[in-house]
PDB file of N, CA and C in Angstrom:
ATOM      1  N   MET A   1     -21.810   1.348 -14.062  1.00  0.00           N
ATOM      2  CA  MET A   1     -20.451   1.090 -14.482  1.00  0.00           C
ATOM      3  C   MET A   1     -20.332  -0.358 -14.920  1.00  0.00           C
ATOM      4  N   ASN A   2     -19.554  -0.571 -15.917  1.00  0.00           N
ATOM      5  CA  ASN A   2     -19.326  -1.942 -16.325  1.00  0.00           C
ATOM      6  C   ASN A   2     -18.077  -2.483 -15.640  1.00  0.00           C
ATOM      7  N   ASP A   3     -17.840  -3.791 -15.786  1.00  0.00           N
ATOM      8  CA  ASP A   3     -16.727  -4.435 -15.097  1.00  0.00           C
ATOM      9  C   ASP A   3     -15.372  -3.901 -15.533  1.00  0.00           C
ATOM     10  N   ASN A   4     -15.242  -3.516 -16.800  1.00  0.00           N
ATOM     11  CA  ASN A   4     -13.954  -3.019 -17.285  1.00  0.00           C
ATOM     12  C   ASN A   4     -13.568  -1.708 -16.630  1.00  0.00           C
ATOM     13  N   SER A   5     -14.522  -0.805 -16.448  1.00  0.00           N
ATOM     14  CA  SER A   5     -14.194   0.476 -15.835  1.00  0.00           C
ATOM     15  C   SER A   5     -13.868   0.310 -14.354  1.00  0.00           C
ATOM     16  N   VAL A   6     -14.534  -0.633 -13.687  1.00  0.00           N
ATOM     17  CA  VAL A   6     -14.253  -0.876 -12.275  1.00  0.00           C
ATOM     18  C   VAL A   6     -12.856  -1.469 -12.111  1.00  0.00           C
ATOM     19  N   SER A   7     -12.494  -2.456 -12.956  1.00  0.00           N
ATOM     20  CA  SER A   7     -11.172  -3.072 -12.830  1.00  0.00           C
ATOM     21  C   SER A   7     -10.068  -2.097 -13.225  1.00  0.00           C
ATOM     22  N   SER A   8     -10.302  -1.234 -14.212  1.00  0.00           N
ATOM     23  CA  SER A   8      -9.277  -0.264 -14.585  1.00  0.00           C
ATOM     24  C   SER A   8      -9.119   0.803 -13.505  1.00  0.00           C
ATOM     25  N   GLN A   9     -10.219   1.163 -12.850  1.00  0.00           N
ATOM     26  CA  GLN A   9     -10.147   2.129 -11.762  1.00  0.00           C
ATOM     27  C   GLN A   9      -9.414   1.518 -10.571  1.00  0.00           C
ATOM     28  N   ARG A  10      -9.678   0.242 -10.279  1.00  0.00           N
ATOM     29  CA  ARG A  10      -9.025  -0.439  -9.174  1.00  0.00           C
ATOM     30  C   ARG A  10      -7.527  -0.560  -9.441  1.00  0.00           C
ATOM     31  N   SER A  11      -7.146  -0.923 -10.675  1.00  0.00           N
ATOM     32  CA  SER A  11      -5.728  -1.085 -10.990  1.00  0.00           C
ATOM     33  C   SER A  11      -5.000   0.257 -11.010  1.00  0.00           C
ATOM     34  N   ALA A  12      -5.705   1.354 -11.248  1.00  0.00           N
ATOM     35  CA  ALA A  12      -5.080   2.671 -11.241  1.00  0.00           C
ATOM     36  C   ALA A  12      -4.653   3.068  -9.826  1.00  0.00           C
ATOM     37  N   ASN A  13      -5.326   2.529  -8.810  1.00  0.00           N
ATOM     38  CA  ASN A  13      -5.024   2.865  -7.421  1.00  0.00           C
ATOM     39  C   ASN A  13      -4.057   1.890  -6.771  1.00  0.00           C
ATOM     40  N   GLN A  14      -3.605   0.887  -7.497  1.00  0.00           N
ATOM     41  CA  GLN A  14      -2.752  -0.133  -6.907  1.00  0.00           C
ATOM     42  C   GLN A  14      -1.374  -0.134  -7.552  1.00  0.00           C
ATOM     43  N   VAL A  15      -0.423  -0.660  -6.806  1.00  0.00           N
ATOM     44  CA  VAL A  15       0.953  -0.776  -7.267  1.00  0.00           C
ATOM     45  C   VAL A  15       1.287  -2.262  -7.327  1.00  0.00           C
ATOM     46  N   GLU A  16       1.916  -2.675  -8.387  1.00  0.00           N
ATOM     47  CA  GLU A  16       2.294  -4.082  -8.516  1.00  0.00           C
ATOM     48  C   GLU A  16       3.633  -4.306  -7.827  1.00  0.00           C
ATOM     49  N   VAL A  17       3.683  -5.340  -6.970  1.00  0.00           N
ATOM     50  CA  VAL A  17       4.884  -5.660  -6.212  1.00  0.00           C
ATOM     51  C   VAL A  17       5.208  -7.130  -6.433  1.00  0.00           C
ATOM     52  N   SER A  18       6.458  -7.424  -6.596  1.00  0.00           N
ATOM     53  CA  SER A  18       6.891  -8.810  -6.748  1.00  0.00           C
ATOM     54  C   SER A  18       7.529  -9.261  -5.438  1.00  0.00           C
ATOM     55  N   ILE A  19       7.070 -10.406  -4.895  1.00  0.00           N
ATOM     56  CA  ILE A  19       7.628 -10.929  -3.655  1.00  0.00           C
ATOM     57  C   ILE A  19       7.980 -12.399  -3.843  1.00  0.00           C
ATOM     58  N   GLN A  20       8.840 -12.888  -2.989  1.00  0.00           N
ATOM     59  CA  GLN A  20       9.201 -14.292  -3.002  1.00  0.00           C
ATOM     60  C   GLN A  20       8.616 -14.937  -1.749  1.00  0.00           C
ATOM     61  N   LEU A  21       7.858 -16.027  -1.946  1.00  0.00           N
ATOM     62  CA  LEU A  21       7.236 -16.736  -0.833  1.00  0.00           C
ATOM     63  C   LEU A  21       7.698 -18.178  -0.821  1.00  0.00           C
ATOM     64  N   ASP A  22       7.697 -18.749   0.356  1.00  0.00           N
ATOM     65  CA  ASP A  22       7.963 -20.169   0.499  1.00  0.00           C
ATOM     66  C   ASP A  22       6.849 -20.933  -0.223  1.00  0.00           C
ATOM     67  N   SER A  23       7.189 -22.003  -0.912  1.00  0.00           N
ATOM     68  CA  SER A  23       6.186 -22.736  -1.703  1.00  0.00           C
ATOM     69  C   SER A  23       5.075 -23.307  -0.831  1.00  0.00           C
ATOM     70  N   GLU A  24       5.403 -23.749   0.385  1.00  0.00           N
ATOM     71  CA  GLU A  24       4.367 -24.273   1.286  1.00  0.00           C
ATOM     72  C   GLU A  24       3.402 -23.166   1.711  1.00  0.00           C
ATOM     73  N   LEU A  25       3.942 -21.989   1.987  1.00  0.00           N
ATOM     74  CA  LEU A  25       3.105 -20.852   2.362  1.00  0.00           C
ATOM     75  C   LEU A  25       2.194 -20.459   1.204  1.00  0.00           C
ATOM     76  N   PHE A  26       2.737 -20.467  -0.001  1.00  0.00           N
ATOM     77  CA  PHE A  26       1.939 -20.116  -1.174  1.00  0.00           C
ATOM     78  C   PHE A  26       0.806 -21.123  -1.379  1.00  0.00           C
ATOM     79  N   GLU A  27       1.066 -22.400  -1.155  1.00  0.00           N
ATOM     80  CA  GLU A  27       0.014 -23.418  -1.273  1.00  0.00           C
ATOM     81  C   GLU A  27      -1.088 -23.169  -0.257  1.00  0.00           C
ATOM     82  N   GLN A  28      -0.720 -22.799   0.963  1.00  0.00           N
ATOM     83  CA  GLN A  28      -1.719 -22.504   1.992  1.00  0.00           C
ATOM     84  C   GLN A  28      -2.558 -21.293   1.606  1.00  0.00           C
ATOM     85  N   ILE A  29      -1.927 -20.284   1.028  1.00  0.00           N
ATOM     86  CA  ILE A  29      -2.659 -19.092   0.598  1.00  0.00           C
ATOM     87  C   ILE A  29      -3.616 -19.437  -0.533  1.00  0.00           C
ATOM     88  N   GLN A  30      -3.189 -20.291  -1.457  1.00  0.00           N
ATOM     89  CA  GLN A  30      -4.048 -20.681  -2.568  1.00  0.00           C
ATOM     90  C   GLN A  30      -5.282 -21.442  -2.094  1.00  0.00           C
ATOM     91  N   HIS A  31      -5.181 -22.147  -0.966  1.00  0.00           N
ATOM     92  CA  HIS A  31      -6.350 -22.842  -0.421  1.00  0.00           C
ATOM     93  C   HIS A  31      -7.385 -21.848   0.105  1.00  0.00           C
ATOM     94  N   LEU A  32      -6.938 -20.665   0.474  1.00  0.00           N
ATOM     95  CA  LEU A  32      -7.859 -19.649   0.989  1.00  0.00           C
ATOM     96  C   LEU A  32      -8.626 -18.942  -0.122  1.00  0.00           C
ATOM     97  N   SER A  33      -7.964 -18.714  -1.251  1.00  0.00           N
ATOM     98  CA  SER A  33      -8.580 -17.922  -2.314  1.00  0.00           C
ATOM     99  C   SER A  33      -7.924 -18.229  -3.646  1.00  0.00           C
ATOM    100  N   ASN A  34      -8.663 -17.977  -4.718  1.00  0.00           N
ATOM    101  CA  ASN A  34      -8.098 -18.112  -6.057  1.00  0.00           C
ATOM    102  C   ASN A  34      -7.206 -16.922  -6.405  1.00  0.00           C
ATOM    103  N   ASP A  35      -7.307 -15.850  -5.625  1.00  0.00           N
ATOM    104  CA  ASP A  35      -6.528 -14.642  -5.860  1.00  0.00           C
ATOM    105  C   ASP A  35      -5.608 -14.389  -4.660  1.00  0.00           C
ATOM    106  N   PRO A  36      -4.414 -14.988  -4.652  1.00  0.00           N
ATOM    107  CA  PRO A  36      -3.512 -14.832  -3.499  1.00  0.00           C
ATOM    108  C   PRO A  36      -3.153 -13.390  -3.190  1.00  0.00           C
ATOM    109  N   SER A  37      -3.151 -12.515  -4.190  1.00  0.00           N
ATOM    110  CA  SER A  37      -2.794 -11.124  -3.928  1.00  0.00           C
ATOM    111  C   SER A  37      -3.801 -10.464  -2.990  1.00  0.00           C
ATOM    112  N   ARG A  38      -5.079 -10.843  -3.084  1.00  0.00           N
ATOM    113  CA  ARG A  38      -6.099 -10.276  -2.185  1.00  0.00           C
ATOM    114  C   ARG A  38      -5.875 -10.745  -0.753  1.00  0.00           C
ATOM    115  N   VAL A  39      -5.489 -12.006  -0.593  1.00  0.00           N
ATOM    116  CA  VAL A  39      -5.223 -12.543   0.747  1.00  0.00           C
ATOM    117  C   VAL A  39      -4.046 -11.812   1.372  1.00  0.00           C
ATOM    118  N   ILE A  40      -2.988 -11.631   0.603  1.00  0.00           N
ATOM    119  CA  ILE A  40      -1.799 -10.956   1.109  1.00  0.00           C
ATOM    120  C   ILE A  40      -2.103  -9.491   1.424  1.00  0.00           C
ATOM    121  N   GLU A  41      -2.861  -8.830   0.556  1.00  0.00           N
ATOM    122  CA  GLU A  41      -3.226  -7.425   0.783  1.00  0.00           C
ATOM    123  C   GLU A  41      -4.060  -7.278   2.056  1.00  0.00           C
ATOM    124  N   THR A  42      -5.021  -8.161   2.244  1.00  0.00           N
ATOM    125  CA  THR A  42      -5.864  -8.112   3.439  1.00  0.00           C
ATOM    126  C   THR A  42      -5.040  -8.364   4.697  1.00  0.00           C
ATOM    127  N   ALA A  43      -4.124  -9.329   4.640  1.00  0.00           N
ATOM    128  CA  ALA A  43      -3.279  -9.633   5.797  1.00  0.00           C
ATOM    129  C   ALA A  43      -2.396  -8.436   6.157  1.00  0.00           C
ATOM    130  N   ILE A  44      -1.856  -7.770   5.159  1.00  0.00           N
ATOM    131  CA  ILE A  44      -1.007  -6.601   5.423  1.00  0.00           C
ATOM    132  C   ILE A  44      -1.835  -5.470   6.033  1.00  0.00           C
ATOM    133  N   LYS A  45      -3.046  -5.248   5.522  1.00  0.00           N
ATOM    134  CA  LYS A  45      -3.904  -4.197   6.081  1.00  0.00           C
ATOM    135  C   LYS A  45      -4.240  -4.483   7.540  1.00  0.00           C
ATOM    136  N   GLN A  46      -4.577  -5.737   7.850  1.00  0.00           N
ATOM    137  CA  GLN A  46      -4.898  -6.100   9.234  1.00  0.00           C
ATOM    138  C   GLN A  46      -3.679  -5.943  10.132  1.00  0.00           C
ATOM    139  N   TRP A  47      -2.521  -6.314   9.617  1.00  0.00           N
ATOM    140  CA  TRP A  47      -1.296  -6.197  10.402  1.00  0.00           C
ATOM    141  C   TRP A  47      -0.984  -4.735  10.702  1.00  0.00           C
ATOM    142  N   LEU A  48      -1.162  -3.854   9.702  1.00  0.00           N
ATOM    143  CA  LEU A  48      -0.893  -2.440   9.913  1.00  0.00           C
ATOM    144  C   LEU A  48      -1.873  -1.802  10.888  1.00  0.00           C
ATOM    145  N   LYS A  49      -3.124  -2.268  10.880  1.00  0.00           N
ATOM    146  CA  LYS A  49      -4.115  -1.747  11.819  1.00  0.00           C
ATOM    147  C   LYS A  49      -3.948  -2.339  13.209  1.00  0.00           C
ATOM    148  N   GLY A  50      -3.184  -3.410  13.323  1.00  0.00           N
ATOM    149  CA  GLY A  50      -2.999  -4.046  14.625  1.00  0.00           C
ATOM    150  C   GLY A  50      -4.110  -5.013  14.968  1.00  0.00           C
ATOM    151  N   ASP A  51      -4.819  -5.545  13.970  1.00  0.00           N
ATOM    152  CA  ASP A  51      -5.922  -6.466  14.234  1.00  0.00           C
ATOM    153  C   ASP A  51      -5.444  -7.821  14.724  1.00  0.00           C
ATOM    154  N   GLY A  52      -4.175  -8.122  14.617  1.00  0.00           N
ATOM    155  CA  GLY A  52      -3.666  -9.408  15.069  1.00  0.00           C
ATOM    156  C   GLY A  52      -3.726  -9.575  16.568  1.00  0.00           C
ATOM    157  N   GLU A  53      -3.885  -8.475  17.290  1.00  0.00           N
ATOM    158  CA  GLU A  53      -3.930  -8.531  18.743  1.00  0.00           C
ATOM    159  C   GLU A  53      -5.252  -9.052  19.267  1.00  0.00           C
ATOM    160  N   GLN A  54      -6.285  -9.111  18.441  1.00  0.00           N
ATOM    161  CA  GLN A  54      -7.578  -9.604  18.891  1.00  0.00           C
ATOM    162  C   GLN A  54      -7.490 -11.038  19.366  1.00  0.00           C
ATOM    163  N   GLU A  55      -6.725 -11.844  18.679  1.00  0.00           N
ATOM    164  CA  GLU A  55      -6.603 -13.244  19.034  1.00  0.00           C
ATOM    165  C   GLU A  55      -5.990 -13.397  20.417  1.00  0.00           C
ATOM    166  N   GLU A  56      -5.007 -12.560  20.728  1.00  0.00           N
ATOM    167  CA  GLU A  56      -4.375 -12.616  22.036  1.00  0.00           C
ATOM    168  C   GLU A  56      -5.329 -12.138  23.123  1.00  0.00           C
ATOM    169  N   GLY A  57      -6.236 -11.243  22.782  1.00  0.00           N
ATOM    170  CA  GLY A  57      -7.173 -10.728  23.760  1.00  0.00           C
ATOM    171  C   GLY A  57      -8.190 -11.752  24.211  1.00  0.00           C
ATOM    172  N   LEU A  58      -8.397 -12.784  23.429  1.00  0.00           N
ATOM    173  CA  LEU A  58      -9.362 -13.814  23.793  1.00  0.00           C
ATOM    174  C   LEU A  58      -8.784 -14.815  24.787  1.00  0.00           C
ATOM    175  N   ALA A  59      -7.497 -14.904  24.870  1.00  0.00           N
ATOM    176  CA  ALA A  59      -6.861 -15.860  25.776  1.00  0.00           C
ATOM    177  C   ALA A  59      -6.667 -15.220  27.146  1.00  0.00           C
ATOM    178  N   ARG A  60      -6.903 -16.018  28.170  1.00  0.00           N
ATOM    179  CA  ARG A  60      -6.672 -15.532  29.524  1.00  0.00           C
ATOM    180  C   ARG A  60      -5.271 -15.896  29.958  1.00  0.00           C
ATOM    181  N   THR A  61      -4.662 -15.015  30.716  1.00  0.00           N
ATOM    182  CA  THR A  61      -3.346 -15.330  31.246  1.00  0.00           C
ATOM    183  C   THR A  61      -3.522 -16.162  32.501  1.00  0.00           C
ATOM    184  N   PHE A  62      -2.676 -17.140  32.653  1.00  0.00           N
ATOM    185  CA  PHE A  62      -2.734 -18.027  33.802  1.00  0.00           C
ATOM    186  C   PHE A  62      -1.584 -17.702  34.726  1.00  0.00           C
ATOM    187  N   ARG A  63      -1.923 -17.314  35.945  1.00  0.00           N
ATOM    188  CA  ARG A  63      -0.892 -17.022  36.937  1.00  0.00           C
ATOM    189  C   ARG A  63      -0.540 -18.328  37.625  1.00  0.00           C
ATOM    190  N   ARG A  64       0.683 -18.772  37.437  1.00  0.00           N
ATOM    191  CA  ARG A  64       1.097 -20.066  37.955  1.00  0.00           C
ATOM    192  C   ARG A  64       1.013 -20.121  39.480  1.00  0.00           C
ATOM    193  N   ASN A  65       1.455 -19.111  40.159  1.00  0.00           N
ATOM    194  CA  ASN A  65       1.402 -19.060  41.621  1.00  0.00           C
ATOM    195  C   ASN A  65       0.619 -17.820  42.041  1.00  0.00           C
ATOM    196  N   PRO A  66      -0.701 -17.984  42.246  1.00  0.00           N
ATOM    197  CA  PRO A  66      -1.482 -16.804  42.651  1.00  0.00           C
ATOM    198  C   PRO A  66      -1.046 -16.325  44.029  1.00  0.00           C
ATOM    199  N   PRO A  67      -1.221 -15.042  44.291  1.00  0.00           N
ATOM    200  CA  PRO A  67      -0.798 -14.511  45.594  1.00  0.00           C
ATOM    201  C   PRO A  67      -1.626 -15.126  46.730  1.00  0.00           C
ATOM    202  N   VAL A  68      -0.982 -15.331  47.851  1.00  0.00           N
ATOM    203  CA  VAL A  68      -1.640 -15.887  49.034  1.00  0.00           C
ATOM    204  C   VAL A  68      -2.174 -14.716  49.850  1.00  0.00           C
ATOM    205  N   PRO A  69      -3.455 -14.786  50.279  1.00  0.00           N
ATOM    206  CA  PRO A  69      -3.991 -13.676  51.082  1.00  0.00           C
ATOM    207  C   PRO A  69      -3.328 -13.624  52.450  1.00  0.00           C
ATOM    208  N   PRO A  70      -3.325 -12.440  53.073  1.00  0.00           N
ATOM    209  CA  PRO A  70      -2.714 -12.312  54.413  1.00  0.00           C
ATOM    210  C   PRO A  70      -3.452 -13.194  55.431  1.00  0.00           C
ATOM    211  N   ARG A  71      -2.798 -13.437  56.592  1.00  0.00           N
ATOM    212  CA  ARG A  71      -3.419 -14.243  57.632  1.00  0.00           C
ATOM    213  C   ARG A  71      -4.762 -13.669  58.067  1.00  0.00           C
ATOM    214  N   GLY A  72      -5.679 -14.562  58.341  1.00  0.00           N
ATOM    215  CA  GLY A  72      -6.999 -14.139  58.802  1.00  0.00           C
ATOM    216  C   GLY A  72      -7.984 -13.933  57.671  1.00  0.00           C
ATOM    217  N   GLU A  73      -7.555 -13.982  56.420  1.00  0.00           N
ATOM    218  CA  GLU A  73      -8.469 -13.783  55.296  1.00  0.00           C
ATOM    219  C   GLU A  73      -8.733 -15.079  54.539  1.00  0.00           C
ATOM    220  N   TRP A  74      -8.360 -16.195  55.129  1.00  0.00           N
ATOM    221  CA  TRP A  74      -8.615 -17.492  54.493  1.00  0.00           C
ATOM    222  C   TRP A  74     -10.094 -17.823  54.622  1.00  0.00           C
ATOM    223  N   ASN A  75     -10.618 -18.453  53.640  1.00  0.00           N
ATOM    224  CA  ASN A  75     -12.016 -18.842  53.689  1.00  0.00           C
ATOM    225  C   ASN A  75     -12.094 -20.284  54.179  1.00  0.00           C
ATOM    226  N   ASP A  76     -11.960 -20.458  55.504  1.00  0.00           N
ATOM    227  CA  ASP A  76     -11.930 -21.797  56.096  1.00  0.00           C
ATOM    228  C   ASP A  76     -13.307 -22.339  56.341  1.00  0.00           C
TER     229      ASP A  76
END
């Protein structure tokens, strides 16, 4: 297949959407890629799959006041 048939096949499966973004956010996206639409598409796919929860899974929760063991179970 040549590049033209691949790009026409890809565009046949996609829908064009117009969105409004904050200019600072758009600048940050442009630093990631020359094609901001791919970055946005990938982010939406990850969000729909729930991949954003992986980052939270790496952090441990800190219990501010751990439970105190009953009397006689102290490691003195």
